[in-house]
Amino acid sequence: MALREELKEQLIEQLNLEDLTPKDIADDAPLFGNGLGLDSIDALEIIVLLDNEYGITLANPDEGKRVFQSINSIAEYIEAHKS
């Protein structure tokens, strides 16, 4: 399974977004604000997901803002930092 599709499925499950399917989430759509409307609690859940599923730890909150912009930005970060 492609990383972006996998991420969409993980986000839907982790964040209890049962009314969405992976097809409902565009790769470049904003995850926060006017996009999916995620909030700071969801950001913490995404941090846990990255740590548990990919062994990636985000320590810098500013980095998180950049990484969590879209499915594309999360996937690119994973690809650049996975061991």
PDB file of N, CA and C in Angstrom:
ATOM      1  N   MET A   1       0.852  -1.188   0.000  1.00  0.00           N
ATOM      2  CA  MET A   1       0.000   0.000   0.000  1.00  0.00           C
ATOM      3  C   MET A   1       0.892   1.244   0.000  1.00  0.00           C
ATOM      4  N   ALA A   2       0.503   2.210  -0.780  1.00  0.00           N
ATOM      5  CA  ALA A   2       1.263   3.445  -0.863  1.00  0.00           C
ATOM      6  C   ALA A   2       1.200   4.177   0.484  1.00  0.00           C
ATOM      7  N   LEU A   3       2.276   4.846   0.816  1.00  0.00           N
ATOM      8  CA  LEU A   3       2.396   5.528   2.102  1.00  0.00           C
ATOM      9  C   LEU A   3       1.254   6.528   2.323  1.00  0.00           C
ATOM     10  N   ARG A   4       0.904   7.299   1.325  1.00  0.00           N
ATOM     11  CA  ARG A   4      -0.148   8.318   1.502  1.00  0.00           C
ATOM     12  C   ARG A   4      -1.501   7.676   1.819  1.00  0.00           C
ATOM     13  N   GLU A   5      -1.828   6.591   1.130  1.00  0.00           N
ATOM     14  CA  GLU A   5      -3.086   5.894   1.412  1.00  0.00           C
ATOM     15  C   GLU A   5      -3.054   5.287   2.814  1.00  0.00           C
ATOM     16  N   GLU A   6      -1.925   4.726   3.166  1.00  0.00           N
ATOM     17  CA  GLU A   6      -1.766   4.148   4.512  1.00  0.00           C
ATOM     18  C   GLU A   6      -1.957   5.231   5.579  1.00  0.00           C
ATOM     19  N   LEU A   7      -1.354   6.390   5.370  1.00  0.00           N
ATOM     20  CA  LEU A   7      -1.498   7.498   6.316  1.00  0.00           C
ATOM     21  C   LEU A   7      -2.955   7.926   6.457  1.00  0.00           C
ATOM     22  N   LYS A   8      -3.662   8.016   5.349  1.00  0.00           N
ATOM     23  CA  LYS A   8      -5.068   8.413   5.401  1.00  0.00           C
ATOM     24  C   LYS A   8      -5.875   7.426   6.236  1.00  0.00           C
ATOM     25  N   GLU A   9      -5.653   6.131   6.001  1.00  0.00           N
ATOM     26  CA  GLU A   9      -6.383   5.119   6.765  1.00  0.00           C
ATOM     27  C   GLU A   9      -6.033   5.192   8.246  1.00  0.00           C
ATOM     28  N   GLN A  10      -4.747   5.403   8.554  1.00  0.00           N
ATOM     29  CA  GLN A  10      -4.319   5.503   9.952  1.00  0.00           C
ATOM     30  C   GLN A  10      -4.928   6.729  10.624  1.00  0.00           C
ATOM     31  N   LEU A  11      -4.960   7.852   9.929  1.00  0.00           N
ATOM     32  CA  LEU A  11      -5.547   9.069  10.504  1.00  0.00           C
ATOM     33  C   LEU A  11      -7.040   8.888  10.748  1.00  0.00           C
ATOM     34  N   ILE A  12      -7.727   8.293   9.804  1.00  0.00           N
ATOM     35  CA  ILE A  12      -9.171   8.068   9.970  1.00  0.00           C
ATOM     36  C   ILE A  12      -9.417   7.205  11.206  1.00  0.00           C
ATOM     37  N   GLU A  13      -8.625   6.139  11.354  1.00  0.00           N
ATOM     38  CA  GLU A  13      -8.802   5.249  12.497  1.00  0.00           C
ATOM     39  C   GLU A  13      -8.374   5.922  13.802  1.00  0.00           C
ATOM     40  N   GLN A  14      -7.185   6.514  13.820  1.00  0.00           N
ATOM     41  CA  GLN A  14      -6.624   7.112  15.037  1.00  0.00           C
ATOM     42  C   GLN A  14      -7.460   8.285  15.550  1.00  0.00           C
ATOM     43  N   LEU A  15      -7.994   9.083  14.625  1.00  0.00           N
ATOM     44  CA  LEU A  15      -8.714  10.302  15.006  1.00  0.00           C
ATOM     45  C   LEU A  15     -10.229  10.117  14.995  1.00  0.00           C
ATOM     46  N   ASN A  16     -10.672   8.869  14.824  1.00  0.00           N
ATOM     47  CA  ASN A  16     -12.116   8.556  14.821  1.00  0.00           C
ATOM     48  C   ASN A  16     -12.888   9.397  13.809  1.00  0.00           C
ATOM     49  N   LEU A  17     -12.378   9.451  12.593  1.00  0.00           N
ATOM     50  CA  LEU A  17     -13.033  10.210  11.518  1.00  0.00           C
ATOM     51  C   LEU A  17     -13.882   9.250  10.679  1.00  0.00           C
ATOM     52  N   GLU A  18     -14.813   8.544  11.345  1.00  0.00           N
ATOM     53  CA  GLU A  18     -15.576   7.486  10.695  1.00  0.00           C
ATOM     54  C   GLU A  18     -16.377   7.945   9.493  1.00  0.00           C
ATOM     55  N   ASP A  19     -16.721   9.225   9.437  1.00  0.00           N
ATOM     56  CA  ASP A  19     -17.525   9.705   8.317  1.00  0.00           C
ATOM     57  C   ASP A  19     -16.687   9.977   7.070  1.00  0.00           C
ATOM     58  N   LEU A  20     -15.385   9.748   7.142  1.00  0.00           N
ATOM     59  CA  LEU A  20     -14.494   9.981   6.002  1.00  0.00           C
ATOM     60  C   LEU A  20     -13.924   8.667   5.486  1.00  0.00           C
ATOM     61  N   THR A  21     -13.585   8.658   4.207  1.00  0.00           N
ATOM     62  CA  THR A  21     -12.825   7.558   3.617  1.00  0.00           C
ATOM     63  C   THR A  21     -11.520   8.148   3.099  1.00  0.00           C
ATOM     64  N   PRO A  22     -10.531   7.300   2.824  1.00  0.00           N
ATOM     65  CA  PRO A  22      -9.276   7.848   2.278  1.00  0.00           C
ATOM     66  C   PRO A  22      -9.487   8.694   1.024  1.00  0.00           C
ATOM     67  N   LYS A  23     -10.488   8.347   0.214  1.00  0.00           N
ATOM     68  CA  LYS A  23     -10.757   9.121  -1.009  1.00  0.00           C
ATOM     69  C   LYS A  23     -11.246  10.535  -0.699  1.00  0.00           C
ATOM     70  N   ASP A  24     -11.802  10.737   0.518  1.00  0.00           N
ATOM     71  CA  ASP A  24     -12.308  12.057   0.905  1.00  0.00           C
ATOM     72  C   ASP A  24     -11.187  13.024   1.273  1.00  0.00           C
ATOM     73  N   ILE A  25      -9.983  12.504   1.479  1.00  0.00           N
ATOM     74  CA  ILE A  25      -8.864  13.334   1.930  1.00  0.00           C
ATOM     75  C   ILE A  25      -7.877  13.498   0.777  1.00  0.00           C
ATOM     76  N   ALA A  26      -7.795  14.706   0.254  1.00  0.00           N
ATOM     77  CA  ALA A  26      -6.833  14.978  -0.820  1.00  0.00           C
ATOM     78  C   ALA A  26      -5.425  15.019  -0.236  1.00  0.00           C
ATOM     79  N   ASP A  27      -4.462  14.543  -1.015  1.00  0.00           N
ATOM     80  CA  ASP A  27      -3.072  14.491  -0.540  1.00  0.00           C
ATOM     81  C   ASP A  27      -2.541  15.864  -0.145  1.00  0.00           C
ATOM     82  N   ASP A  28      -3.014  16.911  -0.825  1.00  0.00           N
ATOM     83  CA  ASP A  28      -2.493  18.255  -0.567  1.00  0.00           C
ATOM     84  C   ASP A  28      -3.474  19.133   0.216  1.00  0.00           C
ATOM     85  N   ALA A  29      -4.570  18.553   0.697  1.00  0.00           N
ATOM     86  CA  ALA A  29      -5.555  19.330   1.462  1.00  0.00           C
ATOM     87  C   ALA A  29      -5.014  19.656   2.852  1.00  0.00           C
ATOM     88  N   PRO A  30      -5.284  20.868   3.349  1.00  0.00           N
ATOM     89  CA  PRO A  30      -4.854  21.216   4.705  1.00  0.00           C
ATOM     90  C   PRO A  30      -5.540  20.304   5.722  1.00  0.00           C
ATOM     91  N   LEU A  31      -4.771  19.850   6.710  1.00  0.00           N
ATOM     92  CA  LEU A  31      -5.344  18.984   7.741  1.00  0.00           C
ATOM     93  C   LEU A  31      -5.986  19.794   8.856  1.00  0.00           C
ATOM     94  N   PHE A  32      -5.498  21.005   9.068  1.00  0.00           N
ATOM     95  CA  PHE A  32      -5.989  21.858  10.156  1.00  0.00           C
ATOM     96  C   PHE A  32      -6.710  23.056   9.568  1.00  0.00           C
ATOM     97  N   GLY A  33      -7.456  23.763  10.397  1.00  0.00           N
ATOM     98  CA  GLY A  33      -8.152  24.966   9.935  1.00  0.00           C
ATOM     99  C   GLY A  33      -9.261  24.626   8.956  1.00  0.00           C
ATOM    100  N   ASN A  34      -9.244  25.254   7.790  1.00  0.00           N
ATOM    101  CA  ASN A  34     -10.321  25.096   6.813  1.00  0.00           C
ATOM    102  C   ASN A  34     -10.304  23.759   6.084  1.00  0.00           C
ATOM    103  N   GLY A  35      -9.257  22.973   6.288  1.00  0.00           N
ATOM    104  CA  GLY A  35      -9.188  21.664   5.632  1.00  0.00           C
ATOM    105  C   GLY A  35     -10.052  20.660   6.363  1.00  0.00           C
ATOM    106  N   LEU A  36      -9.424  19.654   6.954  1.00  0.00           N
ATOM    107  CA  LEU A  36     -10.161  18.643   7.715  1.00  0.00           C
ATOM    108  C   LEU A  36     -10.670  19.188   9.036  1.00  0.00           C
ATOM    109  N   GLY A  37     -10.113  20.324   9.463  1.00  0.00           N
ATOM    110  CA  GLY A  37     -10.565  20.916  10.719  1.00  0.00           C
ATOM    111  C   GLY A  37     -10.003  20.249  11.957  1.00  0.00           C
ATOM    112  N   LEU A  38      -8.816  19.641  11.818  1.00  0.00           N
ATOM    113  CA  LEU A  38      -8.195  19.013  12.982  1.00  0.00           C
ATOM    114  C   LEU A  38      -7.754  20.077  13.976  1.00  0.00           C
ATOM    115  N   ASP A  39      -7.547  19.666  15.244  1.00  0.00           N
ATOM    116  CA  ASP A  39      -7.138  20.608  16.284  1.00  0.00           C
ATOM    117  C   ASP A  39      -5.873  20.121  16.990  1.00  0.00           C
ATOM    118  N   SER A  40      -5.488  20.806  18.059  1.00  0.00           N
ATOM    119  CA  SER A  40      -4.227  20.490  18.744  1.00  0.00           C
ATOM    120  C   SER A  40      -4.243  19.097  19.365  1.00  0.00           C
ATOM    121  N   ILE A  41      -5.387  18.625  19.812  1.00  0.00           N
ATOM    122  CA  ILE A  41      -5.482  17.262  20.348  1.00  0.00           C
ATOM    123  C   ILE A  41      -5.205  16.261  19.232  1.00  0.00           C
ATOM    124  N   ASP A  42      -5.733  16.532  18.047  1.00  0.00           N
ATOM    125  CA  ASP A  42      -5.467  15.661  16.897  1.00  0.00           C
ATOM    126  C   ASP A  42      -3.980  15.662  16.546  1.00  0.00           C
ATOM    127  N   ALA A  43      -3.336  16.818  16.677  1.00  0.00           N
ATOM    128  CA  ALA A  43      -1.895  16.898  16.404  1.00  0.00           C
ATOM    129  C   ALA A  43      -1.125  15.972  17.345  1.00  0.00           C
ATOM    130  N   LEU A  44      -1.517  15.937  18.608  1.00  0.00           N
ATOM    131  CA  LEU A  44      -0.863  15.043  19.559  1.00  0.00           C
ATOM    132  C   LEU A  44      -1.063  13.583  19.154  1.00  0.00           C
ATOM    133  N   GLU A  45      -2.262  13.263  18.682  1.00  0.00           N
ATOM    134  CA  GLU A  45      -2.536  11.897  18.218  1.00  0.00           C
ATOM    135  C   GLU A  45      -1.663  11.543  17.012  1.00  0.00           C
ATOM    136  N   ILE A  46      -1.442  12.500  16.125  1.00  0.00           N
ATOM    137  CA  ILE A  46      -0.599  12.262  14.954  1.00  0.00           C
ATOM    138  C   ILE A  46       0.850  12.042  15.395  1.00  0.00           C
ATOM    139  N   ILE A  47       1.303  12.795  16.391  1.00  0.00           N
ATOM    140  CA  ILE A  47       2.660  12.608  16.929  1.00  0.00           C
ATOM    141  C   ILE A  47       2.817  11.188  17.459  1.00  0.00           C
ATOM    142  N   VAL A  48       1.823  10.724  18.210  1.00  0.00           N
ATOM    143  CA  VAL A  48       1.858   9.357  18.750  1.00  0.00           C
ATOM    144  C   VAL A  48       1.865   8.340  17.602  1.00  0.00           C
ATOM    145  N   LEU A  49       1.046   8.571  16.597  1.00  0.00           N
ATOM    146  CA  LEU A  49       0.987   7.686  15.443  1.00  0.00           C
ATOM    147  C   LEU A  49       2.343   7.581  14.753  1.00  0.00           C
ATOM    148  N   LEU A  50       2.994   8.718  14.520  1.00  0.00           N
ATOM    149  CA  LEU A  50       4.302   8.706  13.855  1.00  0.00           C
ATOM    150  C   LEU A  50       5.332   7.943  14.679  1.00  0.00           C
ATOM    151  N   ASP A  51       5.269   8.109  15.982  1.00  0.00           N
ATOM    152  CA  ASP A  51       6.208   7.413  16.862  1.00  0.00           C
ATOM    153  C   ASP A  51       5.937   5.911  16.845  1.00  0.00           C
ATOM    154  N   ASN A  52       4.685   5.520  17.027  1.00  0.00           N
ATOM    155  CA  ASN A  52       4.328   4.102  17.118  1.00  0.00           C
ATOM    156  C   ASN A  52       4.486   3.361  15.800  1.00  0.00           C
ATOM    157  N   GLU A  53       4.055   3.967  14.717  1.00  0.00           N
ATOM    158  CA  GLU A  53       4.039   3.277  13.417  1.00  0.00           C
ATOM    159  C   GLU A  53       5.339   3.397  12.632  1.00  0.00           C
ATOM    160  N   TYR A  54       6.044   4.517  12.817  1.00  0.00           N
ATOM    161  CA  TYR A  54       7.206   4.785  11.968  1.00  0.00           C
ATOM    162  C   TYR A  54       8.486   5.037  12.760  1.00  0.00           C
ATOM    163  N   GLY A  55       8.407   5.046  14.097  1.00  0.00           N
ATOM    164  CA  GLY A  55       9.583   5.282  14.923  1.00  0.00           C
ATOM    165  C   GLY A  55      10.145   6.685  14.773  1.00  0.00           C
ATOM    166  N   ILE A  56       9.276   7.632  14.443  1.00  0.00           N
ATOM    167  CA  ILE A  56       9.706   9.022  14.225  1.00  0.00           C
ATOM    168  C   ILE A  56       9.195   9.884  15.371  1.00  0.00           C
ATOM    169  N   THR A  57      10.105  10.622  16.000  1.00  0.00           N
ATOM    170  CA  THR A  57       9.749  11.497  17.104  1.00  0.00           C
ATOM    171  C   THR A  57       9.879  12.947  16.668  1.00  0.00           C
ATOM    172  N   LEU A  58       8.819  13.719  16.892  1.00  0.00           N
ATOM    173  CA  LEU A  58       8.851  15.162  16.626  1.00  0.00           C
ATOM    174  C   LEU A  58       9.048  15.866  17.954  1.00  0.00           C
ATOM    175  N   ALA A  59      10.168  16.528  18.112  1.00  0.00           N
ATOM    176  CA  ALA A  59      10.437  17.205  19.375  1.00  0.00           C
ATOM    177  C   ALA A  59      10.144  18.699  19.299  1.00  0.00           C
ATOM    178  N   ASN A  60      10.235  19.264  18.120  1.00  0.00           N
ATOM    179  CA  ASN A  60      10.095  20.703  17.938  1.00  0.00           C
ATOM    180  C   ASN A  60       8.684  21.046  17.454  1.00  0.00           C
ATOM    181  N   PRO A  61       7.896  21.790  18.245  1.00  0.00           N
ATOM    182  CA  PRO A  61       6.529  22.145  17.832  1.00  0.00           C
ATOM    183  C   PRO A  61       6.469  22.907  16.506  1.00  0.00           C
ATOM    184  N   ASP A  62       7.463  23.734  16.223  1.00  0.00           N
ATOM    185  CA  ASP A  62       7.475  24.469  14.958  1.00  0.00           C
ATOM    186  C   ASP A  62       7.605  23.506  13.781  1.00  0.00           C
ATOM    187  N   GLU A  63       8.387  22.457  13.982  1.00  0.00           N
ATOM    188  CA  GLU A  63       8.545  21.448  12.946  1.00  0.00           C
ATOM    189  C   GLU A  63       7.194  20.751  12.703  1.00  0.00           C
ATOM    190  N   GLY A  64       6.458  20.486  13.764  1.00  0.00           N
ATOM    191  CA  GLY A  64       5.153  19.851  13.644  1.00  0.00           C
ATOM    192  C   GLY A  64       4.198  20.661  12.790  1.00  0.00           C
ATOM    193  N   LYS A  65       4.201  21.967  12.942  1.00  0.00           N
ATOM    194  CA  LYS A  65       3.320  22.825  12.143  1.00  0.00           C
ATOM    195  C   LYS A  65       3.604  22.665  10.653  1.00  0.00           C
ATOM    196  N   ARG A  66       4.873  22.548  10.321  1.00  0.00           N
ATOM    197  CA  ARG A  66       5.262  22.385   8.914  1.00  0.00           C
ATOM    198  C   ARG A  66       4.927  20.971   8.425  1.00  0.00           C
ATOM    199  N   VAL A  67       5.248  19.976   9.237  1.00  0.00           N
ATOM    200  CA  VAL A  67       5.057  18.582   8.849  1.00  0.00           C
ATOM    201  C   VAL A  67       3.580  18.232   8.708  1.00  0.00           C
ATOM    202  N   PHE A  68       2.732  18.761   9.577  1.00  0.00           N
ATOM    203  CA  PHE A  68       1.331  18.364   9.616  1.00  0.00           C
ATOM    204  C   PHE A  68       0.427  19.183   8.708  1.00  0.00           C
ATOM    205  N   GLN A  69       0.982  19.860   7.709  1.00  0.00           N
ATOM    206  CA  GLN A  69       0.165  20.679   6.814  1.00  0.00           C
ATOM    207  C   GLN A  69      -0.775  19.840   5.960  1.00  0.00           C
ATOM    208  N   SER A  70      -0.288  18.689   5.484  1.00  0.00           N
ATOM    209  CA  SER A  70      -1.100  17.859   4.582  1.00  0.00           C
ATOM    210  C   SER A  70      -0.590  16.425   4.629  1.00  0.00           C
ATOM    211  N   ILE A  71      -1.315  15.535   3.972  1.00  0.00           N
ATOM    212  CA  ILE A  71      -0.854  14.144   3.844  1.00  0.00           C
ATOM    213  C   ILE A  71       0.486  14.132   3.116  1.00  0.00           C
ATOM    214  N   ASN A  72       0.635  14.940   2.078  1.00  0.00           N
ATOM    215  CA  ASN A  72       1.902  15.001   1.343  1.00  0.00           C
ATOM    216  C   ASN A  72       3.065  15.380   2.254  1.00  0.00           C
ATOM    217  N   SER A  73       2.878  16.399   3.091  1.00  0.00           N
ATOM    218  CA  SER A  73       3.992  16.857   3.932  1.00  0.00           C
ATOM    219  C   SER A  73       4.344  15.814   4.996  1.00  0.00           C
ATOM    220  N   ILE A  74       3.349  15.097   5.526  1.00  0.00           N
ATOM    221  CA  ILE A  74       3.637  14.037   6.503  1.00  0.00           C
ATOM    222  C   ILE A  74       4.386  12.899   5.810  1.00  0.00           C
ATOM    223  N   ALA A  75       3.924  12.497   4.629  1.00  0.00           N
ATOM    224  CA  ALA A  75       4.571  11.408   3.891  1.00  0.00           C
ATOM    225  C   ALA A  75       6.017  11.769   3.538  1.00  0.00           C
ATOM    226  N   GLU A  76       6.238  12.987   3.095  1.00  0.00           N
ATOM    227  CA  GLU A  76       7.597  13.420   2.754  1.00  0.00           C
ATOM    228  C   GLU A  76       8.491  13.399   3.990  1.00  0.00           C
ATOM    229  N   TYR A  77       7.962  13.799   5.129  1.00  0.00           N
ATOM    230  CA  TYR A  77       8.737  13.790   6.365  1.00  0.00           C
ATOM    231  C   TYR A  77       9.094  12.355   6.763  1.00  0.00           C
ATOM    232  N   ILE A  78       8.133  11.456   6.660  1.00  0.00           N
ATOM    233  CA  ILE A  78       8.381  10.052   6.993  1.00  0.00           C
ATOM    234  C   ILE A  78       9.458   9.483   6.076  1.00  0.00           C
ATOM    235  N   GLU A  79       9.326   9.731   4.785  1.00  0.00           N
ATOM    236  CA  GLU A  79      10.287   9.204   3.819  1.00  0.00           C
ATOM    237  C   GLU A  79      11.695   9.744   4.080  1.00  0.00           C
ATOM    238  N   ALA A  80      11.792  10.975   4.531  1.00  0.00           N
ATOM    239  CA  ALA A  80      13.097  11.581   4.801  1.00  0.00           C
ATOM    240  C   ALA A  80      13.702  11.123   6.130  1.00  0.00           C
ATOM    241  N   HIS A  81      12.857  10.682   7.085  1.00  0.00           N
ATOM    242  CA  HIS A  81      13.362  10.401   8.432  1.00  0.00           C
ATOM    243  C   HIS A  81      13.230   8.968   8.901  1.00  0.00           C
ATOM    244  N   LYS A  82      12.628   8.097   8.100  1.00  0.00           N
ATOM    245  CA  LYS A  82      12.484   6.729   8.585  1.00  0.00           C
ATOM    246  C   LYS A  82      13.837   6.029   8.549  1.00  0.00           C
ATOM    247  N   SER A  83      13.998   5.114   9.503  1.00  0.00           N
ATOM    248  CA  SER A  83      15.307   4.446   9.588  1.00  0.00           C
ATOM    249  C   SER A  83      15.343   3.175   8.785  1.00  0.00           C
TER     250      SER A  83
END
